[in-house]
Amino acid sequence: MTWIINRTSQFEKNYKNLGPYLKEKFKSNFSKFLIDYKTSSLNTHKLKWKLSNYYSSKIDYDYRFITLIDFQSDTITLVNIWNHSIYK
């Protein structure tokens, strides 16, 4: 499957502020995500409450990236990337 990838301005801003290690880790994990978003190493899970349409996936112990997946249009929107404080 070929995905259409979109990025929010919040994602772009936070990604720009990540260090080189986290950027490389994200690229590696996002490549895995594109192949199989449910792969266990990413610990991807659907969020709850006001974020119930979004998915969270692991970059490392503390950092996550948030996505919105539209399976009908094969679109993934990268919503945010940061540590656990992004849930607040």
PDB file of N, CA and C in Angstrom:
ATOM      1  N   MET A   1       0.834  -1.177   0.000  1.00  0.00           N
ATOM      2  CA  MET A   1       0.000   0.000   0.000  1.00  0.00           C
ATOM      3  C   MET A   1       0.882   1.246   0.000  1.00  0.00           C
ATOM      4  N   THR A   2       0.473   2.227  -0.750  1.00  0.00           N
ATOM      5  CA  THR A   2       1.166   3.507  -0.775  1.00  0.00           C
ATOM      6  C   THR A   2       0.338   4.513   0.014  1.00  0.00           C
ATOM      7  N   TRP A   3       0.977   5.111   0.991  1.00  0.00           N
ATOM      8  CA  TRP A   3       0.297   6.078   1.853  1.00  0.00           C
ATOM      9  C   TRP A   3       0.559   7.499   1.369  1.00  0.00           C
ATOM     10  N   ILE A   4      -0.398   8.358   1.581  1.00  0.00           N
ATOM     11  CA  ILE A   4      -0.219   9.804   1.418  1.00  0.00           C
ATOM     12  C   ILE A   4       0.121  10.321   2.816  1.00  0.00           C
ATOM     13  N   ILE A   5       1.221  11.031   2.934  1.00  0.00           N
ATOM     14  CA  ILE A   5       1.681  11.512   4.243  1.00  0.00           C
ATOM     15  C   ILE A   5       1.491  13.021   4.320  1.00  0.00           C
ATOM     16  N   ASN A   6       0.784  13.465   5.354  1.00  0.00           N
ATOM     17  CA  ASN A   6       0.614  14.891   5.655  1.00  0.00           C
ATOM     18  C   ASN A   6       1.247  15.171   7.012  1.00  0.00           C
ATOM     19  N   ARG A   7       1.650  16.420   7.208  1.00  0.00           N
ATOM     20  CA  ARG A   7       2.229  16.846   8.481  1.00  0.00           C
ATOM     21  C   ARG A   7       1.556  18.134   8.931  1.00  0.00           C
ATOM     22  N   THR A   8       1.201  18.194  10.223  1.00  0.00           N
ATOM     23  CA  THR A   8       0.649  19.443  10.753  1.00  0.00           C
ATOM     24  C   THR A   8       1.797  20.402  11.057  1.00  0.00           C
ATOM     25  N   SER A   9       1.461  21.664  11.199  1.00  0.00           N
ATOM     26  CA  SER A   9       2.487  22.654  11.544  1.00  0.00           C
ATOM     27  C   SER A   9       3.069  22.364  12.930  1.00  0.00           C
ATOM     28  N   GLN A  10       2.252  21.836  13.835  1.00  0.00           N
ATOM     29  CA  GLN A  10       2.746  21.482  15.176  1.00  0.00           C
ATOM     30  C   GLN A  10       3.776  20.355  15.084  1.00  0.00           C
ATOM     31  N   PHE A  11       3.510  19.360  14.258  1.00  0.00           N
ATOM     32  CA  PHE A  11       4.482  18.287  14.054  1.00  0.00           C
ATOM     33  C   PHE A  11       5.785  18.862  13.495  1.00  0.00           C
ATOM     34  N   GLU A  12       5.687  19.677  12.457  1.00  0.00           N
ATOM     35  CA  GLU A  12       6.879  20.263  11.832  1.00  0.00           C
ATOM     36  C   GLU A  12       7.707  21.051  12.849  1.00  0.00           C
ATOM     37  N   LYS A  13       7.032  21.848  13.658  1.00  0.00           N
ATOM     38  CA  LYS A  13       7.718  22.674  14.659  1.00  0.00           C
ATOM     39  C   LYS A  13       8.448  21.796  15.679  1.00  0.00           C
ATOM     40  N   ASN A  14       7.755  20.797  16.217  1.00  0.00           N
ATOM     41  CA  ASN A  14       8.374  19.947  17.235  1.00  0.00           C
ATOM     42  C   ASN A  14       9.459  19.046  16.650  1.00  0.00           C
ATOM     43  N   TYR A  15       9.256  18.564  15.430  1.00  0.00           N
ATOM     44  CA  TYR A  15      10.275  17.732  14.793  1.00  0.00           C
ATOM     45  C   TYR A  15      11.568  18.524  14.616  1.00  0.00           C
ATOM     46  N   LYS A  16      11.439  19.763  14.196  1.00  0.00           N
ATOM     47  CA  LYS A  16      12.603  20.634  13.986  1.00  0.00           C
ATOM     48  C   LYS A  16      13.415  20.801  15.267  1.00  0.00           C
ATOM     49  N   ASN A  17      12.749  20.761  16.415  1.00  0.00           N
ATOM     50  CA  ASN A  17      13.424  20.970  17.696  1.00  0.00           C
ATOM     51  C   ASN A  17      14.001  19.688  18.312  1.00  0.00           C
ATOM     52  N   LEU A  18      13.781  18.546  17.671  1.00  0.00           N
ATOM     53  CA  LEU A  18      14.359  17.294  18.183  1.00  0.00           C
ATOM     54  C   LEU A  18      15.850  17.239  17.892  1.00  0.00           C
ATOM     55  N   GLY A  19      16.570  16.516  18.735  1.00  0.00           N
ATOM     56  CA  GLY A  19      17.986  16.290  18.496  1.00  0.00           C
ATOM     57  C   GLY A  19      18.186  15.246  17.395  1.00  0.00           C
ATOM     58  N   PRO A  20      19.428  15.111  16.905  1.00  0.00           N
ATOM     59  CA  PRO A  20      19.719  14.175  15.814  1.00  0.00           C
ATOM     60  C   PRO A  20      19.363  12.720  16.140  1.00  0.00           C
ATOM     61  N   TYR A  21      19.610  12.290  17.380  1.00  0.00           N
ATOM     62  CA  TYR A  21      19.303  10.905  17.764  1.00  0.00           C
ATOM     63  C   TYR A  21      17.809  10.617  17.613  1.00  0.00           C
ATOM     64  N   LEU A  22      16.962  11.516  18.138  1.00  0.00           N
ATOM     65  CA  LEU A  22      15.513  11.307  18.073  1.00  0.00           C
ATOM     66  C   LEU A  22      14.987  11.407  16.642  1.00  0.00           C
ATOM     67  N   LYS A  23      15.581  12.278  15.828  1.00  0.00           N
ATOM     68  CA  LYS A  23      15.169  12.363  14.427  1.00  0.00           C
ATOM     69  C   LYS A  23      15.454  11.048  13.700  1.00  0.00           C
ATOM     70  N   GLU A  24      16.624  10.485  13.917  1.00  0.00           N
ATOM     71  CA  GLU A  24      16.965   9.211  13.279  1.00  0.00           C
ATOM     72  C   GLU A  24      16.081   8.081  13.794  1.00  0.00           C
ATOM     73  N   LYS A  25      15.837   8.073  15.096  1.00  0.00           N
ATOM     74  CA  LYS A  25      14.959   7.070  15.688  1.00  0.00           C
ATOM     75  C   LYS A  25      13.549   7.169  15.107  1.00  0.00           C
ATOM     76  N   PHE A  26      13.054   8.405  14.961  1.00  0.00           N
ATOM     77  CA  PHE A  26      11.736   8.596  14.368  1.00  0.00           C
ATOM     78  C   PHE A  26      11.702   8.055  12.944  1.00  0.00           C
ATOM     79  N   LYS A  27      12.688   8.406  12.130  1.00  0.00           N
ATOM     80  CA  LYS A  27      12.713   7.947  10.738  1.00  0.00           C
ATOM     81  C   LYS A  27      12.688   6.423  10.669  1.00  0.00           C
ATOM     82  N   SER A  28      13.465   5.792  11.515  1.00  0.00           N
ATOM     83  CA  SER A  28      13.507   4.328  11.542  1.00  0.00           C
ATOM     84  C   SER A  28      12.154   3.748  11.953  1.00  0.00           C
ATOM     85  N   ASN A  29      11.581   4.284  13.019  1.00  0.00           N
ATOM     86  CA  ASN A  29      10.304   3.767  13.509  1.00  0.00           C
ATOM     87  C   ASN A  29       9.145   4.102  12.572  1.00  0.00           C
ATOM     88  N   PHE A  30       9.198   5.258  11.940  1.00  0.00           N
ATOM     89  CA  PHE A  30       8.127   5.599  11.012  1.00  0.00           C
ATOM     90  C   PHE A  30       8.172   4.699   9.775  1.00  0.00           C
ATOM     91  N   SER A  31       9.355   4.300   9.364  1.00  0.00           N
ATOM     92  CA  SER A  31       9.474   3.330   8.259  1.00  0.00           C
ATOM     93  C   SER A  31       8.792   2.020   8.627  1.00  0.00           C
ATOM     94  N   LYS A  32       8.986   1.572   9.853  1.00  0.00           N
ATOM     95  CA  LYS A  32       8.304   0.360  10.341  1.00  0.00           C
ATOM     96  C   LYS A  32       6.793   0.577  10.380  1.00  0.00           C
ATOM     97  N   PHE A  33       6.401   1.749  10.824  1.00  0.00           N
ATOM     98  CA  PHE A  33       4.981   2.110  10.919  1.00  0.00           C
ATOM     99  C   PHE A  33       4.307   2.015   9.552  1.00  0.00           C
ATOM    100  N   LEU A  34       4.973   2.491   8.523  1.00  0.00           N
ATOM    101  CA  LEU A  34       4.399   2.471   7.179  1.00  0.00           C
ATOM    102  C   LEU A  34       4.205   1.048   6.654  1.00  0.00           C
ATOM    103  N   ILE A  35       5.057   0.146   7.094  1.00  0.00           N
ATOM    104  CA  ILE A  35       4.934  -1.253   6.680  1.00  0.00           C
ATOM    105  C   ILE A  35       3.813  -1.943   7.451  1.00  0.00           C
ATOM    106  N   ASP A  36       3.813  -1.734   8.774  1.00  0.00           N
ATOM    107  CA  ASP A  36       2.783  -2.339   9.630  1.00  0.00           C
ATOM    108  C   ASP A  36       2.651  -1.503  10.895  1.00  0.00           C
ATOM    109  N   TYR A  37       1.642  -0.664  10.932  1.00  0.00           N
ATOM    110  CA  TYR A  37       1.503   0.252  12.069  1.00  0.00           C
ATOM    111  C   TYR A  37       1.248  -0.473  13.387  1.00  0.00           C
ATOM    112  N   LYS A  38       0.862  -1.754  13.315  1.00  0.00           N
ATOM    113  CA  LYS A  38       0.593  -2.515  14.534  1.00  0.00           C
ATOM    114  C   LYS A  38       1.801  -3.309  15.034  1.00  0.00           C
ATOM    115  N   THR A  39       2.948  -3.136  14.401  1.00  0.00           N
ATOM    116  CA  THR A  39       4.121  -3.891  14.826  1.00  0.00           C
ATOM    117  C   THR A  39       4.394  -3.650  16.311  1.00  0.00           C
ATOM    118  N   SER A  40       4.680  -4.705  17.024  1.00  0.00           N
ATOM    119  CA  SER A  40       4.774  -4.623  18.490  1.00  0.00           C
ATOM    120  C   SER A  40       5.887  -3.702  18.975  1.00  0.00           C
ATOM    121  N   SER A  41       6.952  -3.548  18.228  1.00  0.00           N
ATOM    122  CA  SER A  41       8.061  -2.709  18.679  1.00  0.00           C
ATOM    123  C   SER A  41       7.686  -1.232  18.780  1.00  0.00           C
ATOM    124  N   LEU A  42       6.611  -0.825  18.108  1.00  0.00           N
ATOM    125  CA  LEU A  42       6.171   0.577  18.153  1.00  0.00           C
ATOM    126  C   LEU A  42       5.159   0.853  19.253  1.00  0.00           C
ATOM    127  N   ASN A  43       4.601  -0.211  19.806  1.00  0.00           N
ATOM    128  CA  ASN A  43       3.587  -0.065  20.847  1.00  0.00           C
ATOM    129  C   ASN A  43       2.482   0.912  20.423  1.00  0.00           C
ATOM    130  N   THR A  44       2.055   0.809  19.178  1.00  0.00           N
ATOM    131  CA  THR A  44       1.004   1.694  18.660  1.00  0.00           C
ATOM    132  C   THR A  44      -0.329   1.337  19.298  1.00  0.00           C
ATOM    133  N   HIS A  45      -1.026   2.362  19.743  1.00  0.00           N
ATOM    134  CA  HIS A  45      -2.342   2.147  20.328  1.00  0.00           C
ATOM    135  C   HIS A  45      -3.234   3.343  20.035  1.00  0.00           C
ATOM    136  N   LYS A  46      -4.512   3.056  19.977  1.00  0.00           N
ATOM    137  CA  LYS A  46      -5.498   4.107  19.755  1.00  0.00           C
ATOM    138  C   LYS A  46      -5.690   4.879  21.049  1.00  0.00           C
ATOM    139  N   LEU A  47      -5.756   6.184  20.928  1.00  0.00           N
ATOM    140  CA  LEU A  47      -5.918   7.023  22.108  1.00  0.00           C
ATOM    141  C   LEU A  47      -7.382   7.097  22.510  1.00  0.00           C
ATOM    142  N   LYS A  48      -7.635   7.673  23.671  1.00  0.00           N
ATOM    143  CA  LYS A  48      -8.993   7.742  24.217  1.00  0.00           C
ATOM    144  C   LYS A  48      -9.415   9.186  24.438  1.00  0.00           C
ATOM    145  N   TRP A  49     -10.629   9.325  24.831  1.00  0.00           N
ATOM    146  CA  TRP A  49     -11.259  10.600  25.159  1.00  0.00           C
ATOM    147  C   TRP A  49     -11.216  11.552  23.977  1.00  0.00           C
ATOM    148  N   LYS A  50     -10.739  12.764  24.195  1.00  0.00           N
ATOM    149  CA  LYS A  50     -10.796  13.760  23.127  1.00  0.00           C
ATOM    150  C   LYS A  50      -9.849  13.458  21.970  1.00  0.00           C
ATOM    151  N   LEU A  51      -8.944  12.503  22.155  1.00  0.00           N
ATOM    152  CA  LEU A  51      -8.020  12.110  21.084  1.00  0.00           C
ATOM    153  C   LEU A  51      -8.373  10.742  20.505  1.00  0.00           C
ATOM    154  N   SER A  52      -9.612  10.343  20.601  1.00  0.00           N
ATOM    155  CA  SER A  52     -10.006   8.968  20.286  1.00  0.00           C
ATOM    156  C   SER A  52      -9.835   8.564  18.820  1.00  0.00           C
ATOM    157  N   ASN A  53      -9.663   9.505  17.927  1.00  0.00           N
ATOM    158  CA  ASN A  53      -9.440   9.153  16.523  1.00  0.00           C
ATOM    159  C   ASN A  53      -7.957   9.046  16.169  1.00  0.00           C
ATOM    160  N   TYR A  54      -7.100   9.229  17.153  1.00  0.00           N
ATOM    161  CA  TYR A  54      -5.662   9.287  16.908  1.00  0.00           C
ATOM    162  C   TYR A  54      -4.951   8.048  17.439  1.00  0.00           C
ATOM    163  N   TYR A  55      -3.737   7.831  16.900  1.00  0.00           N
ATOM    164  CA  TYR A  55      -2.889   6.726  17.338  1.00  0.00           C
ATOM    165  C   TYR A  55      -1.579   7.288  17.870  1.00  0.00           C
ATOM    166  N   SER A  56      -1.050   6.639  18.881  1.00  0.00           N
ATOM    167  CA  SER A  56       0.241   6.997  19.441  1.00  0.00           C
ATOM    168  C   SER A  56       1.212   5.848  19.185  1.00  0.00           C
ATOM    169  N   SER A  57       2.429   6.197  18.761  1.00  0.00           N
ATOM    170  CA  SER A  57       3.457   5.187  18.499  1.00  0.00           C
ATOM    171  C   SER A  57       4.766   5.629  19.138  1.00  0.00           C
ATOM    172  N   LYS A  58       5.550   4.649  19.532  1.00  0.00           N
ATOM    173  CA  LYS A  58       6.776   4.887  20.283  1.00  0.00           C
ATOM    174  C   LYS A  58       7.941   5.279  19.375  1.00  0.00           C
ATOM    175  N   ILE A  59       8.717   6.268  19.833  1.00  0.00           N
ATOM    176  CA  ILE A  59      10.015   6.566  19.232  1.00  0.00           C
ATOM    177  C   ILE A  59      11.094   5.972  20.132  1.00  0.00           C
ATOM    178  N   ASP A  60      11.028   6.318  21.407  1.00  0.00           N
ATOM    179  CA  ASP A  60      11.890   5.699  22.416  1.00  0.00           C
ATOM    180  C   ASP A  60      11.100   5.660  23.722  1.00  0.00           C
ATOM    181  N   TYR A  61      11.772   5.462  24.827  1.00  0.00           N
ATOM    182  CA  TYR A  61      11.082   5.306  26.108  1.00  0.00           C
ATOM    183  C   TYR A  61      10.149   6.473  26.413  1.00  0.00           C
ATOM    184  N   ASP A  62      10.578   7.694  26.126  1.00  0.00           N
ATOM    185  CA  ASP A  62       9.801   8.869  26.515  1.00  0.00           C
ATOM    186  C   ASP A  62       9.072   9.549  25.351  1.00  0.00           C
ATOM    187  N   TYR A  63       9.569   9.419  24.143  1.00  0.00           N
ATOM    188  CA  TYR A  63       9.021  10.176  23.016  1.00  0.00           C
ATOM    189  C   TYR A  63       8.061   9.356  22.173  1.00  0.00           C
ATOM    190  N   ARG A  64       7.015  10.034  21.683  1.00  0.00           N
ATOM    191  CA  ARG A  64       5.961   9.414  20.894  1.00  0.00           C
ATOM    192  C   ARG A  64       5.642  10.284  19.680  1.00  0.00           C
ATOM    193  N   PHE A  65       5.061   9.660  18.669  1.00  0.00           N
ATOM    194  CA  PHE A  65       4.482  10.448  17.588  1.00  0.00           C
ATOM    195  C   PHE A  65       3.011  10.087  17.475  1.00  0.00           C
ATOM    196  N   ILE A  66       2.205  11.106  17.210  1.00  0.00           N
ATOM    197  CA  ILE A  66       0.752  10.968  17.134  1.00  0.00           C
ATOM    198  C   ILE A  66       0.341  11.061  15.667  1.00  0.00           C
ATOM    199  N   THR A  67      -0.504  10.118  15.256  1.00  0.00           N
ATOM    200  CA  THR A  67      -0.958  10.093  13.869  1.00  0.00           C
ATOM    201  C   THR A  67      -2.483  10.021  13.807  1.00  0.00           C
ATOM    202  N   LEU A  68      -2.982  10.458  12.683  1.00  0.00           N
ATOM    203  CA  LEU A  68      -4.381  10.284  12.329  1.00  0.00           C
ATOM    204  C   LEU A  68      -4.369   9.478  11.039  1.00  0.00           C
ATOM    205  N   ILE A  69      -5.001   8.319  11.051  1.00  0.00           N
ATOM    206  CA  ILE A  69      -4.972   7.424   9.899  1.00  0.00           C
ATOM    207  C   ILE A  69      -6.360   7.380   9.263  1.00  0.00           C
ATOM    208  N   ASP A  70      -6.399   7.692   7.993  1.00  0.00           N
ATOM    209  CA  ASP A  70      -7.636   7.577   7.225  1.00  0.00           C
ATOM    210  C   ASP A  70      -7.462   6.409   6.261  1.00  0.00           C
ATOM    211  N   PHE A  71      -8.045   5.278   6.596  1.00  0.00           N
ATOM    212  CA  PHE A  71      -7.859   4.061   5.814  1.00  0.00           C
ATOM    213  C   PHE A  71      -8.591   4.125   4.474  1.00  0.00           C
ATOM    214  N   GLN A  72      -9.620   4.912   4.385  1.00  0.00           N
ATOM    215  CA  GLN A  72     -10.359   5.009   3.123  1.00  0.00           C
ATOM    216  C   GLN A  72      -9.586   5.770   2.057  1.00  0.00           C
ATOM    217  N   SER A  73      -8.853   6.786   2.468  1.00  0.00           N
ATOM    218  CA  SER A  73      -8.079   7.574   1.500  1.00  0.00           C
ATOM    219  C   SER A  73      -6.582   7.250   1.554  1.00  0.00           C
ATOM    220  N   ASP A  74      -6.217   6.251   2.366  1.00  0.00           N
ATOM    221  CA  ASP A  74      -4.802   5.857   2.515  1.00  0.00           C
ATOM    222  C   ASP A  74      -3.927   7.050   2.894  1.00  0.00           C
ATOM    223  N   THR A  75      -4.409   7.816   3.860  1.00  0.00           N
ATOM    224  CA  THR A  75      -3.711   9.019   4.296  1.00  0.00           C
ATOM    225  C   THR A  75      -3.306   8.898   5.762  1.00  0.00           C
ATOM    226  N   ILE A  76      -2.062   9.264   6.031  1.00  0.00           N
ATOM    227  CA  ILE A  76      -1.566   9.354   7.403  1.00  0.00           C
ATOM    228  C   ILE A  76      -1.183  10.803   7.642  1.00  0.00           C
ATOM    229  N   THR A  77      -1.740  11.377   8.697  1.00  0.00           N
ATOM    230  CA  THR A  77      -1.352  12.728   9.090  1.00  0.00           C
ATOM    231  C   THR A  77      -0.514  12.635  10.348  1.00  0.00           C
ATOM    232  N   LEU A  78       0.705  13.147  10.258  1.00  0.00           N
ATOM    233  CA  LEU A  78       1.573  13.239  11.432  1.00  0.00           C
ATOM    234  C   LEU A  78       1.126  14.476  12.194  1.00  0.00           C
ATOM    235  N   VAL A  79       0.524  14.254  13.351  1.00  0.00           N
ATOM    236  CA  VAL A  79      -0.122  15.325  14.102  1.00  0.00           C
ATOM    237  C   VAL A  79       0.845  16.012  15.056  1.00  0.00           C
ATOM    238  N   ASN A  80       1.622  15.204  15.785  1.00  0.00           N
ATOM    239  CA  ASN A  80       2.534  15.776  16.772  1.00  0.00           C
ATOM    240  C   ASN A  80       3.621  14.774  17.082  1.00  0.00           C
ATOM    241  N   ILE A  81       4.703  15.275  17.627  1.00  0.00           N
ATOM    242  CA  ILE A  81       5.823  14.445  18.039  1.00  0.00           C
ATOM    243  C   ILE A  81       6.461  15.131  19.242  1.00  0.00           C
ATOM    244  N   TRP A  82       6.556  14.401  20.339  1.00  0.00           N
ATOM    245  CA  TRP A  82       7.149  14.990  21.544  1.00  0.00           C
ATOM    246  C   TRP A  82       7.150  13.927  22.628  1.00  0.00           C
ATOM    247  N   ASN A  83       7.423  14.350  23.863  1.00  0.00           N
ATOM    248  CA  ASN A  83       7.399  13.397  24.970  1.00  0.00           C
ATOM    249  C   ASN A  83       5.960  13.215  25.457  1.00  0.00           C
ATOM    250  N   HIS A  84       5.771  12.520  26.557  1.00  0.00           N
ATOM    251  CA  HIS A  84       4.418  12.212  27.015  1.00  0.00           C
ATOM    252  C   HIS A  84       3.563  13.442  27.302  1.00  0.00           C
ATOM    253  N   SER A  85       4.147  14.597  27.424  1.00  0.00           N
ATOM    254  CA  SER A  85       3.358  15.806  27.693  1.00  0.00           C
ATOM    255  C   SER A  85       2.445  16.170  26.528  1.00  0.00           C
ATOM    256  N   ILE A  86       2.625  15.570  25.347  1.00  0.00           N
ATOM    257  CA  ILE A  86       1.748  15.894  24.222  1.00  0.00           C
ATOM    258  C   ILE A  86       0.321  15.440  24.459  1.00  0.00           C
ATOM    259  N   TYR A  87       0.116  14.552  25.407  1.00  0.00           N
ATOM    260  CA  TYR A  87      -1.247  14.072  25.697  1.00  0.00           C
ATOM    261  C   TYR A  87      -2.041  15.086  26.502  1.00  0.00           C
ATOM    262  N   LYS A  88      -1.392  16.051  27.074  1.00  0.00           N
ATOM    263  CA  LYS A  88      -2.063  17.002  27.960  1.00  0.00           C
ATOM    264  C   LYS A  88      -2.570  18.206  27.214  1.00  0.00           C
TER     265      LYS A  88
END
